[in-house]
Protein backbone atom coordinates (compact mmCIF):
# COMPACT_ATOMS: atom_id res chain seq x y z
CA UNK A 1 -25.45 -28.09 20.25
CA UNK A 2 -24.67 -29.41 16.78
CA UNK A 3 -21.19 -29.27 15.27
CA UNK A 4 -22.37 -26.55 12.91
CA UNK A 5 -23.78 -24.48 15.76
CA UNK A 6 -20.58 -24.90 17.75
CA UNK A 7 -18.61 -23.67 14.76
CA UNK A 8 -20.86 -20.62 14.47
CA UNK A 9 -20.92 -19.77 18.17
CA UNK A 10 -18.80 -16.68 17.62
CA UNK A 11 -20.34 -15.49 14.38
CA UNK A 12 -21.57 -11.93 14.44
CA UNK A 13 -23.78 -11.36 11.40
CA UNK A 14 -23.49 -7.99 9.75
CA UNK A 15 -25.65 -6.86 6.88
CA UNK A 16 -27.09 -3.77 5.34
CA UNK A 17 -30.48 -4.78 4.00
CA UNK A 18 -33.55 -4.58 6.22
CA UNK A 19 -36.42 -6.90 5.33
CA UNK A 20 -40.16 -6.20 5.41
CA UNK A 21 -40.25 -7.07 9.13
CA UNK A 22 -37.66 -4.38 9.79
CA UNK A 23 -34.96 -6.95 10.54
CA UNK A 24 -31.46 -7.41 9.20
CA UNK A 25 -31.25 -9.58 6.10
CA UNK A 26 -28.19 -11.59 5.07
CA UNK A 27 -28.14 -13.45 1.78
CA UNK A 28 -31.91 -13.17 1.47
CA UNK A 29 -32.44 -14.67 4.94
CA UNK A 30 -33.61 -12.97 8.11
CA UNK A 31 -30.44 -12.77 10.24
CA UNK A 32 -32.24 -13.38 13.52
CA UNK A 33 -34.10 -16.42 12.18
CA UNK A 34 -30.86 -17.70 10.67
CA UNK A 35 -28.99 -17.26 13.94
CA UNK A 36 -31.74 -19.09 15.85
CA UNK A 37 -31.57 -21.94 13.34
CA UNK A 38 -27.86 -22.36 14.08
CA UNK A 39 -28.24 -21.75 17.81
CA UNK A 40 -26.14 -18.59 17.91
CA UNK A 41 -27.22 -15.09 18.90
CA UNK A 42 -27.63 -12.29 16.39
CA UNK A 43 -27.24 -8.71 17.49
CA UNK A 44 -28.14 -5.43 15.92
CA UNK A 45 -25.80 -2.69 17.06
CA UNK A 46 -25.74 1.06 16.76
CA UNK A 47 -23.77 2.35 13.80
CA UNK A 48 -21.37 4.16 16.15
CA UNK A 49 -20.45 0.81 17.74
CA UNK A 50 -19.55 -0.91 14.46
CA UNK A 51 -15.86 0.17 14.41
CA UNK A 52 -15.36 -1.29 17.90
CA UNK A 53 -17.00 -4.56 16.86
CA UNK A 54 -14.67 -4.82 13.87
CA UNK A 55 -11.65 -4.00 16.03
CA UNK A 56 -12.54 -6.86 18.38
CA UNK A 57 -12.94 -9.39 15.56
CA UNK A 58 -10.18 -11.85 14.71
CA UNK A 59 -11.21 -11.77 11.05
CA UNK A 60 -14.07 -10.57 8.85
CA UNK A 61 -15.28 -13.29 6.49
CA UNK A 62 -17.07 -11.54 3.64
CA UNK A 63 -17.73 -14.12 0.88
CA UNK A 64 -20.33 -11.94 -0.80
CA UNK A 65 -21.70 -13.17 -4.11
CA UNK A 66 -23.47 -9.91 -4.95
CA UNK A 67 -22.30 -6.64 -3.49
CA UNK A 68 -23.09 -3.00 -4.09
CA UNK A 69 -19.70 -1.76 -2.93
CA UNK A 70 -18.37 -3.54 0.14
CA UNK A 71 -18.45 -0.97 2.90
CA UNK A 72 -18.15 -3.71 5.56
CA UNK A 73 -14.85 -4.78 3.98
CA UNK A 74 -13.50 -1.22 4.20
CA UNK A 75 -14.71 -0.90 7.80
CA UNK A 76 -12.83 -4.07 8.73
CA UNK A 77 -9.66 -2.86 7.01
CA UNK A 78 -9.94 0.50 8.78
CA UNK A 79 -10.18 -1.35 12.10
CA UNK A 80 -7.02 -3.33 11.22
CA UNK A 81 -9.06 -6.55 11.10
CA UNK A 82 -7.87 -9.25 8.68
CA UNK A 83 -10.28 -9.71 5.78
CA UNK A 84 -11.37 -12.75 3.79
CA UNK A 85 -13.43 -11.51 0.84
CA UNK A 86 -14.88 -12.65 -2.46
CA UNK A 87 -12.61 -12.65 -5.45
CA UNK A 88 -15.42 -10.97 -7.42
CA UNK A 89 -16.30 -7.47 -8.49
CA UNK A 90 -16.86 -4.96 -7.11
CA UNK A 91 -14.63 -6.06 -4.22
CA UNK A 92 -11.69 -6.71 -6.54
CA UNK A 93 -11.94 -3.14 -7.78
CA UNK A 94 -10.35 -1.96 -4.53
CA UNK A 95 -9.04 -5.14 -2.89
CA UNK A 96 -6.20 -7.39 -3.94
CA UNK A 97 -4.07 -10.11 -2.35
CA UNK A 98 -1.84 -7.53 -0.70
CA UNK A 99 -4.61 -6.34 1.63
CA UNK A 100 -7.11 -9.22 1.85
CA UNK A 101 -7.36 -12.95 1.37
CA UNK A 102 -9.50 -13.25 -1.75
CA UNK A 103 -11.51 -16.45 -2.15
CA UNK A 104 -14.10 -18.08 -4.37
CA UNK A 105 -17.37 -17.36 -2.52
CA UNK A 106 -18.90 -20.56 -3.92
CA UNK A 107 -16.23 -22.82 -2.41
CA UNK A 108 -16.47 -23.76 1.25
CA UNK A 109 -12.95 -25.21 1.03
CA UNK A 110 -11.55 -21.96 -0.39
CA UNK A 111 -13.28 -19.91 2.31
CA UNK A 112 -11.98 -22.27 5.02
CA UNK A 113 -8.41 -22.03 3.69
CA UNK A 114 -8.81 -18.26 3.48
CA UNK A 115 -9.94 -17.98 7.10
CA UNK A 116 -7.02 -20.10 8.29
CA UNK A 117 -4.60 -17.98 6.26
CA UNK A 118 -6.09 -14.73 7.59
CA UNK A 119 -6.02 -16.00 11.18
CA UNK A 120 -2.34 -16.86 10.70
CA UNK A 121 -1.81 -13.13 10.50
CA UNK A 122 0.18 -11.05 8.08
CA UNK A 123 1.19 -7.67 9.41
CA UNK A 124 2.01 -6.53 5.87
CA UNK A 125 -1.51 -7.45 4.71
CA UNK A 126 -3.08 -5.59 7.66
CA UNK A 127 -0.96 -2.50 6.93
CA UNK A 128 -1.86 -2.64 3.23
CA UNK A 129 -5.53 -2.95 4.21
CA UNK A 130 -5.28 0.13 6.40
CA UNK A 131 -3.85 2.08 3.44
CA UNK A 132 -6.74 0.93 1.24
CA UNK A 133 -9.23 2.03 3.90
CA UNK A 134 -7.49 5.40 4.22
CA UNK A 135 -7.77 5.96 0.44
CA UNK A 136 -11.51 5.31 0.71
CA UNK A 137 -12.24 7.40 3.80
CA UNK A 138 -15.27 9.67 3.61
CA UNK A 139 -12.94 12.69 3.47
CA UNK A 140 -10.90 11.27 0.56
CA UNK A 141 -14.00 10.26 -1.35
CA UNK A 142 -15.55 13.70 -0.80
CA UNK A 143 -12.37 15.46 -1.97
CA UNK A 144 -12.28 13.28 -5.10
CA UNK A 145 -15.89 14.14 -5.86
CA UNK A 146 -15.28 17.86 -5.34
CA UNK A 147 -12.29 17.71 -7.70
CA UNK A 148 -14.40 15.91 -10.32
CA UNK A 149 -17.19 18.49 -9.99
CA UNK A 150 -14.71 21.36 -10.36
CA UNK A 151 -13.17 19.75 -13.44
CA UNK A 152 -16.63 19.30 -14.94
CA UNK A 153 -17.57 22.92 -14.21
CA UNK A 154 -14.29 24.21 -15.75
CA UNK A 155 -14.87 22.14 -18.89
CA UNK A 156 -18.46 23.37 -19.07
CA UNK A 157 -17.36 27.01 -18.69
CA UNK A 158 -14.70 26.55 -21.38
CA UNK A 159 -17.25 25.05 -23.77
CA UNK A 160 -19.66 27.93 -23.08
CA UNK A 161 -16.89 30.49 -23.71
CA UNK A 162 -15.91 28.74 -26.96
CA UNK A 163 -19.54 28.65 -28.12
CA UNK A 164 -19.99 32.36 -27.24
CA UNK A 165 -17.01 33.27 -29.41
CA UNK A 166 -18.23 31.17 -32.35
């Protein structure tokens, strides 16, 4: 086994895009092909098992260069798993140094330092991460949306009443 493969022997790829072959895609590469190339297994797990996988992890390394939102980062924080993430938007819209180790995703050295820092453990960072995850729970997000819809409907009703009087 090569040094690179030995380093990746405990990597568990997680992604959200499925390619044309119906397989998980990470960074534009087929995850299973990528894992084979490095000599490490790739697994696809049921969605219900994902929280347990995160809880077992020592750290989630998430150096995403392009991200829609970063649900995997929130799932790791909710599982109390230390997080190394990109110092780019949209991740920085809800993550900061208090809850994650933010790194330049283009720098292998920065990612390496970030992993070592995260593995060193900071209980304060893990607690802050859990609070971030709690603020972004499905229930909290739904309640925020309902409040926004109600506010919009009130404003719309007020405008209609004003226009009716005019």
